[in-house]
């Protein structure tokens, strides 16, 4: 009996392994039936959010930009007009040129402030792309172009909170100056 015990144990373990493997394959097949969650593209989500804000606002001031703009804290209202932060993280000037017609279609901003360009610093066509963006935005509203913030960054691109606050204040001052309020 002692000589048969290892053989019996081996056969039992082999049967258990076969049953486990079979069950694993069955479960894997069932998991494939569960729909997989997909993430939304950030630009698609931001475009929908911006369009919703534009639809709800009368003659807003719209601040167009990239992640630096999206992360900035602008006032909710300036000069009696709602302010819409239309920054889209990762957007280039070309991206916004392509998005502008769909974002601004049917809206009447009182002013568009363009603060985009951080993602285009190495692009040799940056100036031409900016001209194209301004042409795409021109039918919708008067335009102000502002430089991105300069100074300390947290990661080589995005400004520190202090630099961001100073930059936001310079954007606000320029908006008020353009409306004759300062």
Protein backbone atom coordinates (compact mmCIF):
# COMPACT_ATOMS: atom_id res chain seq x y z
CA UNK A 1 0.00 0.00 0.00
CA UNK A 2 2.87 2.39 0.77
CA UNK A 3 4.23 1.87 -2.73
CA UNK A 4 0.81 2.65 -4.27
CA UNK A 5 0.23 5.81 -2.22
CA UNK A 6 2.45 8.13 -4.35
CA UNK A 7 0.74 6.83 -7.52
CA UNK A 8 -2.72 7.37 -6.08
CA UNK A 9 -1.76 10.86 -4.89
CA UNK A 10 -0.31 11.67 -8.33
CA UNK A 11 -3.50 10.56 -10.10
CA UNK A 12 -5.68 12.60 -7.68
CA UNK A 13 -3.51 15.70 -8.17
CA UNK A 14 -3.57 15.24 -11.96
CA UNK A 15 -7.39 15.02 -11.93
CA UNK A 16 -7.59 18.10 -9.65
CA UNK A 17 -5.23 20.04 -11.94
CA UNK A 18 -7.28 19.05 -15.00
CA UNK A 19 -10.52 20.13 -13.33
CA UNK A 20 -8.99 23.44 -12.18
CA UNK A 21 -7.59 24.14 -15.64
CA UNK A 22 -10.95 23.36 -17.23
CA UNK A 23 -12.76 25.67 -14.77
CA UNK A 24 -10.20 28.45 -15.40
CA UNK A 25 -10.81 28.22 -19.16
CA UNK A 26 -14.59 28.35 -18.63
CA UNK A 27 -14.29 31.46 -16.40
CA UNK A 28 -11.92 33.17 -18.83
CA UNK A 29 -14.42 32.63 -21.63
CA UNK A 30 -17.22 34.14 -19.50
CA UNK A 31 -15.06 37.17 -18.61
CA UNK A 32 -14.65 37.81 -22.31
CA UNK A 33 -18.43 38.22 -22.49
CA UNK A 34 -18.37 41.13 -20.03
CA UNK A 35 -18.08 44.39 -21.95
CA UNK A 36 -14.80 46.11 -21.33
CA UNK A 37 -14.86 49.68 -20.00
CA UNK A 38 -13.25 52.19 -22.33
CA UNK A 39 -12.04 55.61 -21.31
CA UNK A 40 -13.29 58.71 -23.04
CA UNK A 41 -10.87 60.90 -24.91
CA UNK A 42 -10.21 64.00 -22.79
CA UNK A 43 -10.69 66.37 -25.74
CA UNK A 44 -14.12 64.89 -26.47
CA UNK A 45 -15.23 65.34 -22.87
CA UNK A 46 -13.86 68.89 -22.59
CA UNK A 47 -15.44 69.86 -25.93
CA UNK A 48 -18.82 68.65 -24.65
CA UNK A 49 -18.40 70.51 -21.36
CA UNK A 50 -17.35 73.73 -23.11
CA UNK A 51 -20.27 73.51 -25.57
CA UNK A 52 -22.69 72.98 -22.66
CA UNK A 53 -21.33 76.06 -20.87
CA UNK A 54 -21.55 78.10 -24.07
CA UNK A 55 -25.16 77.00 -24.60
CA UNK A 56 -26.08 78.22 -21.10
CA UNK A 57 -24.22 81.55 -21.22
CA UNK A 58 -25.22 84.87 -22.72
CA UNK A 59 -22.31 86.71 -24.40
CA UNK A 60 -19.58 84.95 -22.41
CA UNK A 61 -15.90 85.73 -22.33
CA UNK A 62 -14.23 82.51 -23.50
CA UNK A 63 -10.64 81.74 -22.61
CA UNK A 64 -9.19 79.27 -25.12
CA UNK A 65 -6.05 77.34 -24.28
CA UNK A 66 -4.25 74.18 -23.29
CA UNK A 67 -3.71 72.50 -19.90
CA UNK A 68 -2.24 75.68 -18.42
CA UNK A 69 -5.53 77.44 -19.15
CA UNK A 70 -7.67 74.46 -18.14
CA UNK A 71 -5.92 74.34 -14.75
CA UNK A 72 -6.23 78.09 -14.12
CA UNK A 73 -8.85 79.58 -11.78
CA UNK A 74 -10.53 82.43 -13.63
CA UNK A 75 -13.33 84.49 -12.10
CA UNK A 76 -16.85 83.29 -12.91
CA UNK A 77 -17.89 86.71 -14.16
CA UNK A 78 -16.09 89.74 -15.60
CA UNK A 79 -17.56 93.03 -16.70
CA UNK A 80 -21.07 91.56 -16.41
CA UNK A 81 -20.24 88.60 -18.66
CA UNK A 82 -19.83 84.96 -17.62
CA UNK A 83 -16.30 83.60 -18.06
CA UNK A 84 -15.88 80.17 -19.64
CA UNK A 85 -12.58 78.36 -19.25
CA UNK A 86 -12.21 76.57 -22.59
CA UNK A 87 -8.78 75.13 -21.90
CA UNK A 88 -8.17 71.60 -23.13
CA UNK A 89 -5.19 69.76 -21.69
CA UNK A 90 -2.78 68.57 -24.37
CA UNK A 91 -4.32 70.73 -27.11
CA UNK A 92 -2.08 72.28 -29.72
CA UNK A 93 -2.83 75.31 -31.85
CA UNK A 94 -3.73 72.98 -34.74
CA UNK A 95 -6.05 70.97 -32.46
CA UNK A 96 -7.93 74.11 -31.47
CA UNK A 97 -8.09 75.32 -35.07
CA UNK A 98 -9.86 72.07 -35.97
CA UNK A 99 -12.12 72.18 -32.87
CA UNK A 100 -13.10 75.87 -33.04
CA UNK A 101 -15.96 75.56 -35.56
CA UNK A 102 -17.68 72.78 -33.60
CA UNK A 103 -17.09 74.38 -30.21
CA UNK A 104 -18.27 77.86 -31.13
CA UNK A 105 -21.01 76.94 -33.61
CA UNK A 106 -24.21 78.77 -32.66
CA UNK A 107 -22.61 80.75 -29.82
CA UNK A 108 -22.00 84.48 -29.52
CA UNK A 109 -19.08 85.14 -27.18
CA UNK A 110 -18.47 88.78 -26.31
CA UNK A 111 -14.72 88.09 -26.36
CA UNK A 112 -12.36 85.19 -27.03
CA UNK A 113 -9.02 85.21 -25.23
CA UNK A 114 -6.41 82.95 -26.85
CA UNK A 115 -3.82 81.62 -24.40
CA UNK A 116 -2.69 78.50 -26.24
CA UNK A 117 0.79 77.54 -27.37
CA UNK A 118 2.68 75.68 -24.63
CA UNK A 119 2.37 72.43 -26.61
CA UNK A 120 3.69 74.13 -29.76
CA UNK A 121 7.02 75.52 -28.58
CA UNK A 122 9.04 73.18 -30.84
CA UNK A 123 6.67 73.44 -33.83
CA UNK A 124 8.36 75.32 -36.71
CA UNK A 125 4.90 76.23 -38.09
CA UNK A 126 3.73 77.79 -34.81
CA UNK A 127 3.26 81.33 -36.18
CA UNK A 128 1.32 80.18 -39.23
CA UNK A 129 -0.78 77.85 -37.11
CA UNK A 130 -1.63 80.76 -34.78
CA UNK A 131 -2.66 82.90 -37.77
CA UNK A 132 -4.91 80.04 -38.94
CA UNK A 133 -6.46 79.71 -35.45
CA UNK A 134 -7.17 83.44 -35.27
CA UNK A 135 -8.81 83.28 -38.71
CA UNK A 136 -10.96 80.35 -37.53
CA UNK A 137 -12.04 82.27 -34.40
CA UNK A 138 -12.54 85.67 -36.04
CA UNK A 139 -16.14 85.05 -37.22
CA UNK A 140 -17.27 84.35 -33.66
CA UNK A 141 -15.98 87.29 -31.64
CA UNK A 142 -13.31 89.91 -31.05
CA UNK A 143 -10.06 88.24 -29.98
CA UNK A 144 -7.24 88.97 -27.53
CA UNK A 145 -4.04 86.92 -27.67
CA UNK A 146 -2.13 86.43 -24.42
CA UNK A 147 1.25 84.80 -23.88
CA UNK A 148 1.44 81.74 -21.64
CA UNK A 149 2.72 82.38 -18.12
CA UNK A 150 6.44 82.79 -17.58
CA UNK A 151 8.27 81.86 -14.40
CA UNK A 152 8.58 78.95 -12.03
CA UNK A 153 6.98 75.67 -13.04
CA UNK A 154 6.11 72.51 -11.14
CA UNK A 155 7.15 70.18 -13.97
CA UNK A 156 8.91 72.24 -16.63
CA UNK A 157 5.60 73.24 -18.29
CA UNK A 158 2.84 74.02 -15.78
CA UNK A 159 3.23 77.12 -13.63
CA UNK A 160 3.35 77.09 -9.86
CA UNK A 161 0.21 78.33 -8.09
CA UNK A 162 1.83 81.72 -7.48
CA UNK A 163 2.84 82.16 -11.13
CA UNK A 164 -0.60 80.94 -12.27
CA UNK A 165 -2.38 83.48 -10.03
CA UNK A 166 -0.21 86.31 -11.39
CA UNK A 167 -0.87 85.16 -14.95
CA UNK A 168 -4.63 84.88 -14.38
CA UNK A 169 -4.60 88.43 -13.00
CA UNK A 170 -2.77 89.67 -16.11
CA UNK A 171 -5.38 87.94 -18.31
CA UNK A 172 -8.20 89.54 -16.28
CA UNK A 173 -6.49 92.97 -16.47
CA UNK A 174 -6.18 92.67 -20.26
CA UNK A 175 -9.84 91.66 -20.60
CA UNK A 176 -10.92 94.68 -18.54
CA UNK A 177 -8.53 96.97 -20.46
CA UNK A 178 -9.99 95.76 -23.77
CA UNK A 179 -13.49 96.63 -22.53
CA UNK A 180 -12.34 100.07 -21.39
CA UNK A 181 -12.81 99.29 -17.66
CA UNK A 182 -9.23 100.06 -16.59
